[in-house]
Structures are given as C-alpha cells and as structure tokens.
Amino acid sequence: MNWLGIVGDALWIVSLSIMAGASQRAWGRVPPETRMPLQFARDGRAIMRVPRHIALPLIPAIAFVLSVMLLWQNRQTAPGTSDALVLFGVRATLAGVFALYHLRWLSAALAQLDQEGALRS
C-alpha cells in the first residue's frame, strides 16, 4: 500500500466520523415519532419526509458503501501510477463532498423541524 492510499483512507475515516457524530447529535434532539425532511424544493419546503431511523443514517450509509467500493478499487490500482493519483483525487474530493452535503442537509432539516416546533431542546 502506498501513502496516497493511506491518506485517502484517513480522509474517508474523518468524513464518516463527522457524519456519524452529527447524526448522533441530531438523533438526541429529534423525537422518535418525527418524520424528517429528506428532500427539499427550491423554495425550501420539504417535499419528502421519512422516519428518523431512516433519514439520519441514510447519507452516511451511502457514503460508507461508496468508500468501500473506492477502497477496493484503490487496492487494485498499482502504486505510483497516474491512475493511483487520479483515484486519490476522486477519493479525497468525494469524502469532503459527502461530509459537507450531509451537514448541509442536516442543518436544513433541523431548521425545518425547529420552525415546526418538533425538536427537543
């Protein structure tokens, strides 16, 4: 294994940790019977709502599956090649994008629930 693979793994670990921590914190604030907004319209209203036990782990679970697929691909790529460098760039970018997307979605969902008075303090 090369150093690009190790750094790529570390970035995914940090990204998944951020998503899991944010979801865990939100889990405590959202009552169990609450249906969380999963998708928003352009005007900011919630289009699709799902139960808390589906909404909070969904994005981190998708990110985890993708990270494992990229990890497998990284192990198949020869170290020191241009393919390894490109794959590192993809892995690093996607780790950050998933973490930012999850935090942005979680912020919007909690703001919506707060407006509706559905959050615990």
N, C-alpha and C. Protein backbone atom coordinates (compact mmCIF):
# COMPACT_ATOMS: atom_id res chain seq x y z
N MET A 1 0.85 -1.18 0.00
CA MET A 1 0.00 0.00 0.00
C MET A 1 0.90 1.24 0.00
N ASN A 2 0.46 2.26 -0.70
CA ASN A 2 1.26 3.48 -0.79
C ASN A 2 0.69 4.57 0.11
N TRP A 3 1.38 5.66 0.20
CA TRP A 3 0.96 6.74 1.11
C TRP A 3 -0.31 7.43 0.61
N LEU A 4 -0.58 7.45 -0.70
CA LEU A 4 -1.82 8.03 -1.20
C LEU A 4 -3.03 7.21 -0.72
N GLY A 5 -2.88 5.91 -0.69
CA GLY A 5 -3.95 5.05 -0.19
C GLY A 5 -4.21 5.29 1.29
N ILE A 6 -3.16 5.46 2.06
CA ILE A 6 -3.31 5.70 3.50
C ILE A 6 -3.99 7.05 3.76
N VAL A 7 -3.55 8.07 3.05
CA VAL A 7 -4.16 9.40 3.23
C VAL A 7 -5.62 9.38 2.77
N GLY A 8 -5.91 8.70 1.66
CA GLY A 8 -7.29 8.58 1.19
C GLY A 8 -8.17 7.86 2.21
N ASP A 9 -7.64 6.79 2.82
CA ASP A 9 -8.39 6.08 3.86
C ASP A 9 -8.64 7.00 5.06
N ALA A 10 -7.63 7.76 5.44
CA ALA A 10 -7.78 8.67 6.59
C ALA A 10 -8.83 9.74 6.31
N LEU A 11 -8.87 10.26 5.10
CA LEU A 11 -9.88 11.27 4.76
C LEU A 11 -11.28 10.70 4.86
N TRP A 12 -11.47 9.47 4.39
CA TRP A 12 -12.78 8.84 4.49
C TRP A 12 -13.15 8.56 5.94
N ILE A 13 -12.18 8.16 6.75
CA ILE A 13 -12.45 7.92 8.18
C ILE A 13 -12.90 9.20 8.85
N VAL A 14 -12.23 10.30 8.57
CA VAL A 14 -12.62 11.59 9.15
C VAL A 14 -14.00 12.00 8.66
N SER A 15 -14.25 11.85 7.38
CA SER A 15 -15.54 12.22 6.80
C SER A 15 -16.68 11.41 7.41
N LEU A 16 -16.52 10.10 7.49
CA LEU A 16 -17.55 9.25 8.07
C LEU A 16 -17.74 9.54 9.56
N SER A 17 -16.66 9.88 10.25
CA SER A 17 -16.76 10.23 11.67
C SER A 17 -17.56 11.51 11.87
N ILE A 18 -17.34 12.48 11.02
CA ILE A 18 -18.09 13.74 11.10
C ILE A 18 -19.57 13.48 10.86
N MET A 19 -19.87 12.70 9.84
CA MET A 19 -21.28 12.41 9.53
C MET A 19 -21.94 11.61 10.66
N ALA A 20 -21.25 10.63 11.20
CA ALA A 20 -21.82 9.81 12.27
C ALA A 20 -22.03 10.65 13.54
N GLY A 21 -21.07 11.51 13.85
CA GLY A 21 -21.21 12.36 15.03
C GLY A 21 -22.36 13.35 14.92
N ALA A 22 -22.49 13.94 13.75
CA ALA A 22 -23.59 14.89 13.53
C ALA A 22 -24.94 14.18 13.59
N SER A 23 -25.02 12.99 13.02
CA SER A 23 -26.26 12.23 13.06
C SER A 23 -26.61 11.81 14.49
N GLN A 24 -25.60 11.42 15.24
CA GLN A 24 -25.84 11.02 16.63
C GLN A 24 -26.35 12.19 17.46
N ARG A 25 -25.78 13.36 17.26
CA ARG A 25 -26.23 14.55 17.99
C ARG A 25 -27.66 14.90 17.61
N ALA A 26 -27.98 14.81 16.32
CA ALA A 26 -29.35 15.11 15.87
C ALA A 26 -30.33 14.06 16.38
N TRP A 27 -29.89 12.82 16.49
CA TRP A 27 -30.75 11.73 16.96
C TRP A 27 -31.32 12.07 18.34
N GLY A 28 -30.51 12.67 19.17
CA GLY A 28 -30.96 13.02 20.51
C GLY A 28 -31.95 14.18 20.54
N ARG A 29 -31.92 15.02 19.54
CA ARG A 29 -32.82 16.18 19.50
C ARG A 29 -34.14 15.90 18.80
N VAL A 30 -34.18 14.88 17.98
CA VAL A 30 -35.39 14.59 17.20
C VAL A 30 -36.17 13.47 17.90
N PRO A 31 -37.43 13.72 18.27
CA PRO A 31 -38.24 12.66 18.88
C PRO A 31 -38.42 11.47 17.92
N PRO A 32 -38.58 10.26 18.48
CA PRO A 32 -38.65 9.05 17.63
C PRO A 32 -39.78 9.04 16.61
N GLU A 33 -40.90 9.63 16.92
CA GLU A 33 -42.05 9.59 16.00
C GLU A 33 -41.98 10.64 14.89
N THR A 34 -40.99 11.51 14.92
CA THR A 34 -40.88 12.60 13.95
C THR A 34 -40.46 12.08 12.58
N ARG A 35 -41.12 12.60 11.57
CA ARG A 35 -40.72 12.31 10.18
C ARG A 35 -39.87 13.48 9.71
N MET A 36 -38.63 13.19 9.36
CA MET A 36 -37.67 14.23 8.99
C MET A 36 -37.75 14.54 7.50
N PRO A 37 -37.56 15.82 7.14
CA PRO A 37 -37.49 16.17 5.72
C PRO A 37 -36.24 15.56 5.09
N LEU A 38 -36.42 14.86 4.01
CA LEU A 38 -35.28 14.24 3.32
C LEU A 38 -34.94 14.99 2.04
N GLN A 39 -35.95 15.56 1.41
CA GLN A 39 -35.74 16.27 0.16
C GLN A 39 -36.49 17.59 0.24
N PHE A 40 -35.86 18.64 -0.30
CA PHE A 40 -36.43 19.98 -0.25
C PHE A 40 -36.68 20.51 -1.66
N ALA A 41 -37.73 21.33 -1.80
CA ALA A 41 -37.99 22.01 -3.07
C ALA A 41 -37.08 23.23 -3.15
N ARG A 42 -37.07 23.86 -4.28
CA ARG A 42 -36.23 25.06 -4.44
C ARG A 42 -36.64 26.20 -3.52
N ASP A 43 -37.92 26.24 -3.17
CA ASP A 43 -38.38 27.31 -2.28
C ASP A 43 -38.15 26.98 -0.81
N GLY A 44 -37.57 25.82 -0.49
CA GLY A 44 -37.21 25.47 0.87
C GLY A 44 -38.20 24.60 1.62
N ARG A 45 -39.34 24.31 1.03
CA ARG A 45 -40.31 23.46 1.73
C ARG A 45 -39.93 21.99 1.54
N ALA A 46 -40.30 21.20 2.52
CA ALA A 46 -39.99 19.77 2.49
C ALA A 46 -40.90 19.05 1.51
N ILE A 47 -40.33 18.28 0.60
CA ILE A 47 -41.10 17.51 -0.38
C ILE A 47 -41.32 16.09 0.14
N MET A 48 -40.27 15.49 0.65
CA MET A 48 -40.35 14.10 1.06
C MET A 48 -39.90 13.98 2.52
N ARG A 49 -40.66 13.24 3.31
CA ARG A 49 -40.32 13.02 4.72
C ARG A 49 -40.25 11.53 4.99
N VAL A 50 -39.29 11.15 5.82
CA VAL A 50 -39.12 9.76 6.22
C VAL A 50 -38.89 9.71 7.73
N PRO A 51 -39.08 8.55 8.34
CA PRO A 51 -38.84 8.44 9.78
C PRO A 51 -37.38 8.72 10.14
N ARG A 52 -37.18 9.13 11.36
CA ARG A 52 -35.85 9.50 11.85
C ARG A 52 -34.86 8.36 11.69
N HIS A 53 -35.27 7.12 11.96
CA HIS A 53 -34.33 5.99 11.90
C HIS A 53 -33.88 5.66 10.48
N ILE A 54 -34.54 6.23 9.47
CA ILE A 54 -34.09 6.06 8.08
C ILE A 54 -33.30 7.29 7.64
N ALA A 55 -33.80 8.47 7.96
CA ALA A 55 -33.21 9.71 7.46
C ALA A 55 -31.78 9.95 7.97
N LEU A 56 -31.57 9.77 9.26
CA LEU A 56 -30.27 10.13 9.82
C LEU A 56 -29.11 9.22 9.36
N PRO A 57 -29.29 7.92 9.28
CA PRO A 57 -28.15 7.10 8.82
C PRO A 57 -28.06 6.91 7.31
N LEU A 58 -29.01 7.46 6.54
CA LEU A 58 -29.04 7.18 5.10
C LEU A 58 -27.80 7.70 4.37
N ILE A 59 -27.49 8.95 4.50
CA ILE A 59 -26.34 9.53 3.76
C ILE A 59 -25.02 8.92 4.24
N PRO A 60 -24.79 8.79 5.58
CA PRO A 60 -23.56 8.12 5.99
C PRO A 60 -23.45 6.67 5.49
N ALA A 61 -24.57 5.97 5.40
CA ALA A 61 -24.53 4.58 4.91
C ALA A 61 -24.16 4.54 3.42
N ILE A 62 -24.74 5.44 2.65
CA ILE A 62 -24.40 5.52 1.22
C ILE A 62 -22.92 5.88 1.06
N ALA A 63 -22.46 6.83 1.87
CA ALA A 63 -21.05 7.22 1.81
C ALA A 63 -20.14 6.06 2.19
N PHE A 64 -20.54 5.28 3.18
CA PHE A 64 -19.73 4.13 3.60
C PHE A 64 -19.61 3.11 2.47
N VAL A 65 -20.72 2.79 1.84
CA VAL A 65 -20.69 1.83 0.74
C VAL A 65 -19.79 2.33 -0.39
N LEU A 66 -19.92 3.61 -0.73
CA LEU A 66 -19.07 4.18 -1.78
C LEU A 66 -17.60 4.15 -1.36
N SER A 67 -17.32 4.44 -0.10
CA SER A 67 -15.92 4.43 0.36
C SER A 67 -15.32 3.04 0.27
N VAL A 68 -16.11 2.00 0.57
CA VAL A 68 -15.61 0.63 0.46
C VAL A 68 -15.35 0.28 -1.00
N MET A 69 -16.23 0.71 -1.88
CA MET A 69 -16.01 0.45 -3.32
C MET A 69 -14.73 1.15 -3.80
N LEU A 70 -14.54 2.39 -3.38
CA LEU A 70 -13.32 3.12 -3.78
C LEU A 70 -12.07 2.52 -3.13
N LEU A 71 -12.21 2.03 -1.90
CA LEU A 71 -11.10 1.36 -1.23
C LEU A 71 -10.69 0.11 -2.01
N TRP A 72 -11.67 -0.67 -2.41
CA TRP A 72 -11.38 -1.87 -3.21
C TRP A 72 -10.67 -1.48 -4.51
N GLN A 73 -11.18 -0.45 -5.17
CA GLN A 73 -10.56 0.00 -6.42
C GLN A 73 -9.14 0.48 -6.18
N ASN A 74 -8.93 1.15 -5.05
CA ASN A 74 -7.59 1.63 -4.72
C ASN A 74 -6.61 0.47 -4.52
N ARG A 75 -7.08 -0.60 -3.92
CA ARG A 75 -6.21 -1.77 -3.70
C ARG A 75 -5.89 -2.49 -5.01
N GLN A 76 -6.70 -2.29 -6.03
CA GLN A 76 -6.47 -2.93 -7.33
C GLN A 76 -5.54 -2.09 -8.22
N THR A 77 -5.32 -0.83 -7.84
CA THR A 77 -4.52 0.08 -8.66
C THR A 77 -3.05 0.01 -8.24
N ALA A 78 -2.17 -0.03 -9.21
CA ALA A 78 -0.74 -0.09 -8.93
C ALA A 78 -0.26 1.22 -8.32
N PRO A 79 0.50 1.16 -7.21
CA PRO A 79 1.00 2.38 -6.60
C PRO A 79 2.00 3.10 -7.51
N GLY A 80 2.00 4.42 -7.41
CA GLY A 80 2.96 5.21 -8.17
C GLY A 80 2.55 5.50 -9.59
N THR A 81 1.37 5.11 -10.00
CA THR A 81 0.91 5.38 -11.36
C THR A 81 0.01 6.61 -11.38
N SER A 82 -0.26 7.09 -12.56
CA SER A 82 -1.16 8.24 -12.67
C SER A 82 -2.58 7.84 -12.27
N ASP A 83 -2.94 6.57 -12.48
CA ASP A 83 -4.25 6.10 -12.04
C ASP A 83 -4.41 6.21 -10.53
N ALA A 84 -3.36 5.90 -9.80
CA ALA A 84 -3.41 5.99 -8.34
C ALA A 84 -3.60 7.44 -7.90
N LEU A 85 -2.96 8.36 -8.59
CA LEU A 85 -3.10 9.77 -8.25
C LEU A 85 -4.51 10.28 -8.56
N VAL A 86 -5.05 9.90 -9.68
CA VAL A 86 -6.42 10.30 -10.04
C VAL A 86 -7.42 9.71 -9.05
N LEU A 87 -7.23 8.44 -8.71
CA LEU A 87 -8.13 7.81 -7.76
C LEU A 87 -8.05 8.48 -6.38
N PHE A 88 -6.86 8.88 -5.97
CA PHE A 88 -6.73 9.61 -4.72
C PHE A 88 -7.52 10.92 -4.78
N GLY A 89 -7.41 11.63 -5.88
CA GLY A 89 -8.15 12.87 -6.04
C GLY A 89 -9.66 12.66 -5.96
N VAL A 90 -10.14 11.59 -6.58
CA VAL A 90 -11.56 11.27 -6.52
C VAL A 90 -11.97 10.93 -5.09
N ARG A 91 -11.17 10.10 -4.43
CA ARG A 91 -11.49 9.71 -3.05
C ARG A 91 -11.49 10.92 -2.12
N ALA A 92 -10.49 11.77 -2.24
CA ALA A 92 -10.40 12.93 -1.36
C ALA A 92 -11.56 13.89 -1.60
N THR A 93 -11.89 14.12 -2.85
CA THR A 93 -12.98 15.04 -3.18
C THR A 93 -14.31 14.50 -2.69
N LEU A 94 -14.59 13.23 -2.96
CA LEU A 94 -15.88 12.67 -2.56
C LEU A 94 -16.04 12.59 -1.04
N ALA A 95 -14.95 12.35 -0.32
CA ALA A 95 -15.05 12.32 1.14
C ALA A 95 -15.51 13.67 1.67
N GLY A 96 -14.91 14.73 1.16
CA GLY A 96 -15.31 16.08 1.58
C GLY A 96 -16.70 16.45 1.13
N VAL A 97 -17.05 16.08 -0.10
CA VAL A 97 -18.37 16.42 -0.63
C VAL A 97 -19.47 15.73 0.17
N PHE A 98 -19.29 14.47 0.50
CA PHE A 98 -20.30 13.76 1.28
C PHE A 98 -20.46 14.37 2.67
N ALA A 99 -19.36 14.70 3.31
CA ALA A 99 -19.45 15.30 4.65
C ALA A 99 -20.16 16.66 4.59
N LEU A 100 -19.80 17.48 3.63
CA LEU A 100 -20.44 18.80 3.50
C LEU A 100 -21.91 18.67 3.14
N TYR A 101 -22.24 17.76 2.24
CA TYR A 101 -23.63 17.56 1.85
C TYR A 101 -24.46 17.10 3.04
N HIS A 102 -23.93 16.16 3.80
CA HIS A 102 -24.66 15.66 4.96
C HIS A 102 -24.89 16.77 5.99
N LEU A 103 -23.86 17.54 6.26
CA LEU A 103 -24.00 18.62 7.24
C LEU A 103 -24.98 19.69 6.75
N ARG A 104 -24.96 19.98 5.47
CA ARG A 104 -25.88 20.97 4.91
C ARG A 104 -27.32 20.45 4.96
N TRP A 105 -27.53 19.20 4.59
CA TRP A 105 -28.87 18.63 4.67
C TRP A 105 -29.36 18.59 6.11
N LEU A 106 -28.50 18.17 7.03
CA LEU A 106 -28.89 18.06 8.42
C LEU A 106 -29.25 19.42 9.01
N SER A 107 -28.49 20.43 8.64
CA SER A 107 -28.79 21.79 9.09
C SER A 107 -30.15 22.25 8.59
N ALA A 108 -30.44 22.03 7.32
CA ALA A 108 -31.73 22.43 6.76
C ALA A 108 -32.88 21.64 7.37
N ALA A 109 -32.68 20.34 7.58
CA ALA A 109 -33.73 19.51 8.15
C ALA A 109 -34.03 19.92 9.59
N LEU A 110 -32.98 20.17 10.38
CA LEU A 110 -33.19 20.58 11.76
C LEU A 110 -33.81 21.97 11.85
N ALA A 111 -33.44 22.86 10.93
CA ALA A 111 -34.06 24.19 10.91
C ALA A 111 -35.56 24.08 10.60
N GLN A 112 -35.91 23.21 9.66
CA GLN A 112 -37.32 23.00 9.31
C GLN A 112 -38.08 22.43 10.50
N LEU A 113 -37.50 21.44 11.16
CA LEU A 113 -38.15 20.85 12.32
C LEU A 113 -38.25 21.84 13.48
N ASP A 114 -37.26 22.68 13.62
CA ASP A 114 -37.30 23.70 14.67
C ASP A 114 -38.41 24.70 14.42
N GLN A 115 -38.59 25.10 13.16
CA GLN A 115 -39.70 26.00 12.81
C GLN A 115 -41.04 25.38 13.14
N GLU A 116 -41.14 24.07 12.96
CA GLU A 116 -42.39 23.37 13.23
C GLU A 116 -42.56 23.04 14.72
N GLY A 117 -41.51 23.30 15.52
CA GLY A 117 -41.58 23.02 16.95
C GLY A 117 -41.48 21.54 17.27
N ALA A 118 -40.81 20.78 16.42
CA ALA A 118 -40.74 19.34 16.58
C ALA A 118 -39.44 18.86 17.23
N LEU A 119 -38.57 19.76 17.66
CA LEU A 119 -37.29 19.37 18.24
C LEU A 119 -37.33 19.46 19.76
N ARG A 120 -36.56 18.58 20.39
CA ARG A 120 -36.32 18.69 21.83
C ARG A 120 -35.20 19.71 22.03
N SER A 121 -35.18 20.32 23.17
CA SER A 121 -34.10 21.30 23.41
C SER A 121 -32.88 20.69 24.01
